[in-house]
Amino acid sequence: MSWDYDDFRESKERLERQIAKRRQRGERFEALAAPAGQKKLCTTFWGQAWCRNLESYQQYESRLPRGRSYLRQGRVYNLEIESGKLSAVVAGSELYETFIHIRPLPEAKWRYIVETSQGQVGSMLDLLAGKLGDGLMRILTDAETGLFPRPEEIRFDCSCPDFADMCKHVSAVLYGVGVQLDTKPEWLFTLRGVDQSELLADATETAISGLSAPVSDLQGADLGALFGIDLV
């Protein structure tokens, strides 16, 4: 585990003792593995799209870089993605319990996405790999009409003493979602409380079987190339 230059050795050792004790008590305590030594934090369509949306909101701008650094340093533990909720433990000067509540995708917005996608999604594998037409990809990632939450739909709750609207621990967890979506893109639909199979042109068992495709088959959907931008 790496740490910022301004973290004192004593703080690091104290945190490591706390983590060891929790593991000895039988608690699951797993660091989220994030890419190190490479420019892009995420490499697939959905992971890149999540981060791009996150960085599009000006009110988050000042807090995002430190959170991204925390994630790369292995400070995010036990990230859980559920319907309408994210939770994790983040190692700062102490271990902080971090929760992020996200409203379900409004029914009207989801119905618009479903109706727009009719006939355009051939299989679950194509959907999860982001192998979609440009028009549909833009609708799914649009800040107004797409799948991603807007700031007013997100509520933060962190046990740290930082009273900022978004602390660096929350930021680290939000970036962690992008990393998770690289290998488990279906979790975005779980988070927003919708059923991705409704987007299929033909929701058969054959199409749904794409969910079991290996992670390697989901690589290579480059959102940066689509939008002509450089993504984390």
Protein backbone atom coordinates (compact mmCIF):
# COMPACT_ATOMS: atom_id res chain seq x y z
CA MET A 1 0.00 0.00 0.00
CA SER A 2 1.36 3.42 -0.95
CA TRP A 3 0.64 6.69 0.83
CA ASP A 4 1.01 10.41 0.17
CA TYR A 5 4.30 12.02 1.18
CA ASP A 6 2.49 14.06 3.88
CA ASP A 7 1.12 11.00 5.68
CA PHE A 8 3.09 10.36 8.84
CA ARG A 9 4.54 6.90 9.46
CA GLU A 10 2.75 6.78 12.79
CA SER A 11 -0.62 7.32 11.12
CA LYS A 12 0.12 4.63 8.55
CA GLU A 13 1.12 2.11 11.18
CA ARG A 14 -1.92 2.91 13.31
CA LEU A 15 -4.26 2.37 10.39
CA GLU A 16 -2.57 -0.88 9.46
CA ARG A 17 -3.02 -2.12 13.03
CA GLN A 18 -6.69 -1.20 12.94
CA ILE A 19 -7.17 -3.01 9.65
CA ALA A 20 -5.33 -6.07 10.97
CA LYS A 21 -7.54 -6.16 14.07
CA ARG A 22 -10.70 -6.00 12.01
CA ARG A 23 -9.49 -8.82 9.81
CA GLN A 24 -8.62 -10.88 12.88
CA ARG A 25 -12.20 -10.41 14.05
CA GLY A 26 -13.28 -12.04 10.81
CA GLU A 27 -14.33 -8.88 9.02
CA ARG A 28 -13.92 -8.73 5.27
CA PHE A 29 -11.45 -5.95 4.54
CA GLU A 30 -10.44 -5.88 0.88
CA ALA A 31 -8.76 -2.99 -0.90
CA LEU A 32 -10.21 -2.07 -4.27
CA ALA A 33 -7.49 -2.69 -6.83
CA ALA A 34 -7.08 0.34 -9.10
CA PRO A 35 -4.69 0.65 -12.03
CA ALA A 36 -1.32 2.08 -11.04
CA GLY A 37 1.28 3.55 -13.35
CA GLN A 38 -1.08 4.22 -16.23
CA LYS A 39 -2.87 7.39 -17.29
CA LYS A 40 -6.36 5.99 -17.70
CA LEU A 41 -8.13 4.91 -14.53
CA CYS A 42 -10.80 3.05 -16.52
CA THR A 43 -10.47 1.22 -19.82
CA THR A 44 -13.99 0.16 -20.89
CA PHE A 45 -17.02 2.02 -22.16
CA TRP A 46 -19.02 2.00 -18.93
CA GLY A 47 -16.12 2.75 -16.59
CA GLN A 48 -14.99 5.66 -18.77
CA ALA A 49 -18.54 6.94 -19.16
CA TRP A 50 -19.08 6.96 -15.38
CA CYS A 51 -15.90 8.98 -14.79
CA ARG A 52 -16.64 11.35 -17.65
CA ASN A 53 -20.06 12.09 -16.17
CA LEU A 54 -18.57 12.57 -12.70
CA GLU A 55 -16.05 15.09 -14.03
CA SER A 56 -18.67 17.02 -15.96
CA TYR A 57 -20.07 18.58 -12.77
CA GLN A 58 -18.27 21.78 -11.83
CA GLN A 59 -19.22 21.55 -8.15
CA TYR A 60 -17.16 18.35 -7.84
CA GLU A 61 -14.07 19.69 -9.62
CA SER A 62 -11.92 20.72 -6.66
CA ARG A 63 -12.36 17.45 -4.75
CA LEU A 64 -11.99 14.89 -7.51
CA PRO A 65 -8.18 14.84 -7.97
CA ARG A 66 -7.46 13.97 -4.33
CA GLY A 67 -10.09 11.25 -4.36
CA ARG A 68 -8.63 9.74 -7.52
CA SER A 69 -5.23 9.73 -5.83
CA TYR A 70 -6.67 8.00 -2.75
CA LEU A 71 -8.16 5.29 -4.93
CA ARG A 72 -4.90 4.68 -6.79
CA GLN A 73 -3.11 4.37 -3.43
CA GLY A 74 -5.34 1.47 -2.37
CA ARG A 75 -7.21 3.40 0.34
CA VAL A 76 -10.72 2.28 -0.63
CA TYR A 77 -11.91 -0.91 1.05
CA ASN A 78 -15.04 -3.05 0.88
CA LEU A 79 -16.80 -1.10 -1.86
CA GLU A 80 -20.38 -2.31 -2.14
CA ILE A 81 -22.79 -1.32 -4.92
CA GLU A 82 -26.48 -1.85 -4.24
CA SER A 83 -29.69 -0.40 -5.56
CA GLY A 84 -29.53 3.29 -4.66
CA LYS A 85 -26.52 2.97 -2.37
CA LEU A 86 -22.72 2.82 -2.32
CA SER A 87 -20.71 2.01 0.78
CA ALA A 88 -17.02 1.65 1.53
CA VAL A 89 -14.33 2.19 4.16
CA VAL A 90 -11.71 4.77 3.17
CA ALA A 91 -8.34 5.10 4.88
CA GLY A 92 -7.47 8.73 5.52
CA SER A 93 -5.96 9.95 8.76
CA GLU A 94 -8.40 7.40 10.25
CA LEU A 95 -10.67 4.72 8.84
CA TYR A 96 -13.83 6.44 7.65
CA GLU A 97 -17.17 4.83 6.88
CA THR A 98 -18.48 6.34 3.66
CA PHE A 99 -21.99 6.05 2.26
CA ILE A 100 -23.40 7.53 -0.92
CA HIS A 101 -27.14 7.47 -1.55
CA ILE A 102 -28.34 7.77 -5.14
CA ARG A 103 -31.96 8.16 -6.15
CA PRO A 104 -33.37 5.50 -8.47
CA LEU A 105 -33.53 6.43 -12.13
CA PRO A 106 -36.91 8.13 -12.69
CA GLU A 107 -39.38 5.84 -14.41
CA ALA A 108 -40.09 8.34 -17.20
CA LYS A 109 -36.39 8.63 -18.01
CA TRP A 110 -35.93 4.85 -18.04
CA ARG A 111 -38.95 4.36 -20.29
CA TYR A 112 -37.48 6.90 -22.72
CA ILE A 113 -34.19 4.99 -22.76
CA VAL A 114 -35.97 1.65 -23.27
CA GLU A 115 -38.12 2.97 -26.10
CA THR A 116 -35.15 4.63 -27.80
CA SER A 117 -33.06 1.46 -27.61
CA GLN A 118 -35.67 -0.81 -29.21
CA GLY A 119 -34.07 -2.78 -32.00
CA GLN A 120 -30.61 -1.36 -31.30
CA VAL A 121 -29.27 -3.78 -28.66
CA GLY A 122 -28.69 -7.26 -30.04
CA SER A 123 -27.37 -9.05 -26.96
CA MET A 124 -26.52 -8.57 -23.32
CA LEU A 125 -22.85 -8.93 -24.18
CA ASP A 126 -23.04 -6.04 -26.65
CA LEU A 127 -24.82 -3.91 -24.06
CA LEU A 128 -22.33 -4.57 -21.28
CA ALA A 129 -19.36 -4.14 -23.62
CA GLY A 130 -20.72 -0.82 -24.87
CA LYS A 131 -20.86 -2.11 -28.44
CA LEU A 132 -23.76 0.12 -29.40
CA GLY A 133 -24.58 2.64 -32.07
CA ASP A 134 -23.24 6.16 -31.54
CA GLY A 135 -26.72 7.62 -31.18
CA LEU A 136 -27.75 5.20 -28.45
CA MET A 137 -24.42 5.58 -26.65
CA ARG A 138 -24.94 9.33 -26.52
CA ILE A 139 -28.44 8.91 -25.09
CA LEU A 140 -27.25 6.47 -22.43
CA THR A 141 -24.43 8.79 -21.35
CA ASP A 142 -26.24 12.12 -21.75
CA ALA A 143 -26.14 14.21 -18.57
CA GLU A 144 -29.87 14.96 -18.84
CA THR A 145 -31.43 11.84 -20.35
CA GLY A 146 -28.91 9.12 -19.55
CA LEU A 147 -28.30 6.50 -16.89
CA PHE A 148 -25.88 8.45 -14.74
CA PRO A 149 -26.98 10.34 -11.62
CA ARG A 150 -27.00 14.13 -11.46
CA PRO A 151 -25.56 15.94 -8.41
CA GLU A 152 -29.03 16.67 -7.01
CA GLU A 153 -29.73 12.94 -7.03
CA ILE A 154 -26.67 12.13 -4.90
CA ARG A 155 -26.37 12.46 -1.12
CA PHE A 156 -23.08 11.92 0.74
CA ASP A 157 -22.53 10.62 4.27
CA CYS A 158 -18.95 10.21 5.52
CA SER A 159 -17.75 9.81 9.12
CA CYS A 160 -14.77 12.12 8.49
CA PRO A 161 -14.66 15.64 10.04
CA ASP A 162 -14.59 17.35 6.63
CA PHE A 163 -17.81 19.34 6.26
CA ALA A 164 -17.33 19.97 2.55
CA ASP A 165 -20.19 18.93 0.29
CA MET A 166 -17.93 16.28 -1.23
CA CYS A 167 -14.94 15.11 0.81
CA LYS A 168 -12.00 13.29 -0.75
CA HIS A 169 -13.21 10.00 0.74
CA VAL A 170 -16.52 10.28 -1.10
CA SER A 171 -14.65 11.23 -4.26
CA ALA A 172 -12.46 8.14 -3.96
CA VAL A 173 -15.53 5.91 -3.64
CA LEU A 174 -17.21 7.51 -6.66
CA TYR A 175 -14.12 6.90 -8.77
CA GLY A 176 -14.06 3.36 -7.40
CA VAL A 177 -17.43 2.78 -9.03
CA GLY A 178 -15.87 3.52 -12.42
CA VAL A 179 -13.16 0.93 -11.75
CA GLN A 180 -15.78 -1.63 -10.77
CA LEU A 181 -17.85 -0.94 -13.87
CA ASP A 182 -14.84 -1.93 -15.98
CA THR A 183 -15.40 -5.55 -14.94
CA LYS A 184 -19.02 -5.50 -13.68
CA PRO A 185 -20.91 -3.04 -15.91
CA GLU A 186 -24.25 -4.56 -14.91
CA TRP A 187 -23.78 -2.92 -11.50
CA LEU A 188 -24.66 0.46 -13.00
CA PHE A 189 -28.15 -0.82 -13.71
CA THR A 190 -28.34 -2.32 -10.22
CA LEU A 191 -27.32 1.03 -8.72
CA ARG A 192 -29.98 2.92 -10.68
CA GLY A 193 -32.66 0.36 -9.86
CA VAL A 194 -33.47 -0.74 -13.42
CA ASP A 195 -33.38 -4.03 -15.35
CA GLN A 196 -30.89 -3.97 -18.22
CA SER A 197 -32.62 -6.87 -19.98
CA GLU A 198 -35.42 -4.45 -20.94
CA LEU A 199 -33.00 -2.85 -23.40
CA LEU A 200 -32.57 -6.03 -25.42
CA ALA A 201 -34.12 -6.26 -28.85
CA ASP A 202 -34.91 -9.91 -28.12
CA ALA A 203 -34.72 -10.77 -24.41
CA THR A 204 -34.12 -14.49 -24.90
CA GLU A 205 -32.09 -16.86 -22.81
CA THR A 206 -29.40 -16.71 -25.47
CA ALA A 207 -29.07 -12.96 -25.18
CA ILE A 208 -29.16 -12.97 -21.41
CA SER A 209 -26.41 -15.59 -21.33
CA GLY A 210 -24.02 -12.78 -22.30
CA LEU A 211 -23.92 -11.85 -18.62
CA SER A 212 -21.54 -14.75 -18.03
CA ALA A 213 -19.04 -13.59 -20.64
CA PRO A 214 -15.43 -13.32 -19.44
CA VAL A 215 -14.15 -9.90 -18.46
CA SER A 216 -11.70 -9.93 -21.35
CA ASP A 217 -14.62 -9.79 -23.80
CA LEU A 218 -15.72 -6.48 -22.30
CA GLN A 219 -12.42 -4.69 -22.89
CA GLY A 220 -11.71 -2.22 -25.65
CA ALA A 221 -14.86 -0.08 -25.76
CA ASP A 222 -13.09 3.28 -25.97
CA LEU A 223 -15.42 6.13 -25.02
CA GLY A 224 -12.59 8.59 -25.49
CA ALA A 225 -12.42 7.77 -29.18
CA LEU A 226 -16.17 8.16 -29.50
CA PHE A 227 -16.33 11.60 -27.90
CA GLY A 228 -12.88 12.79 -28.97
CA ILE A 229 -11.66 13.42 -25.42
CA ASP A 230 -8.97 12.12 -23.10
CA LEU A 231 -10.48 10.19 -20.19
CA VAL A 232 -9.04 9.03 -16.85
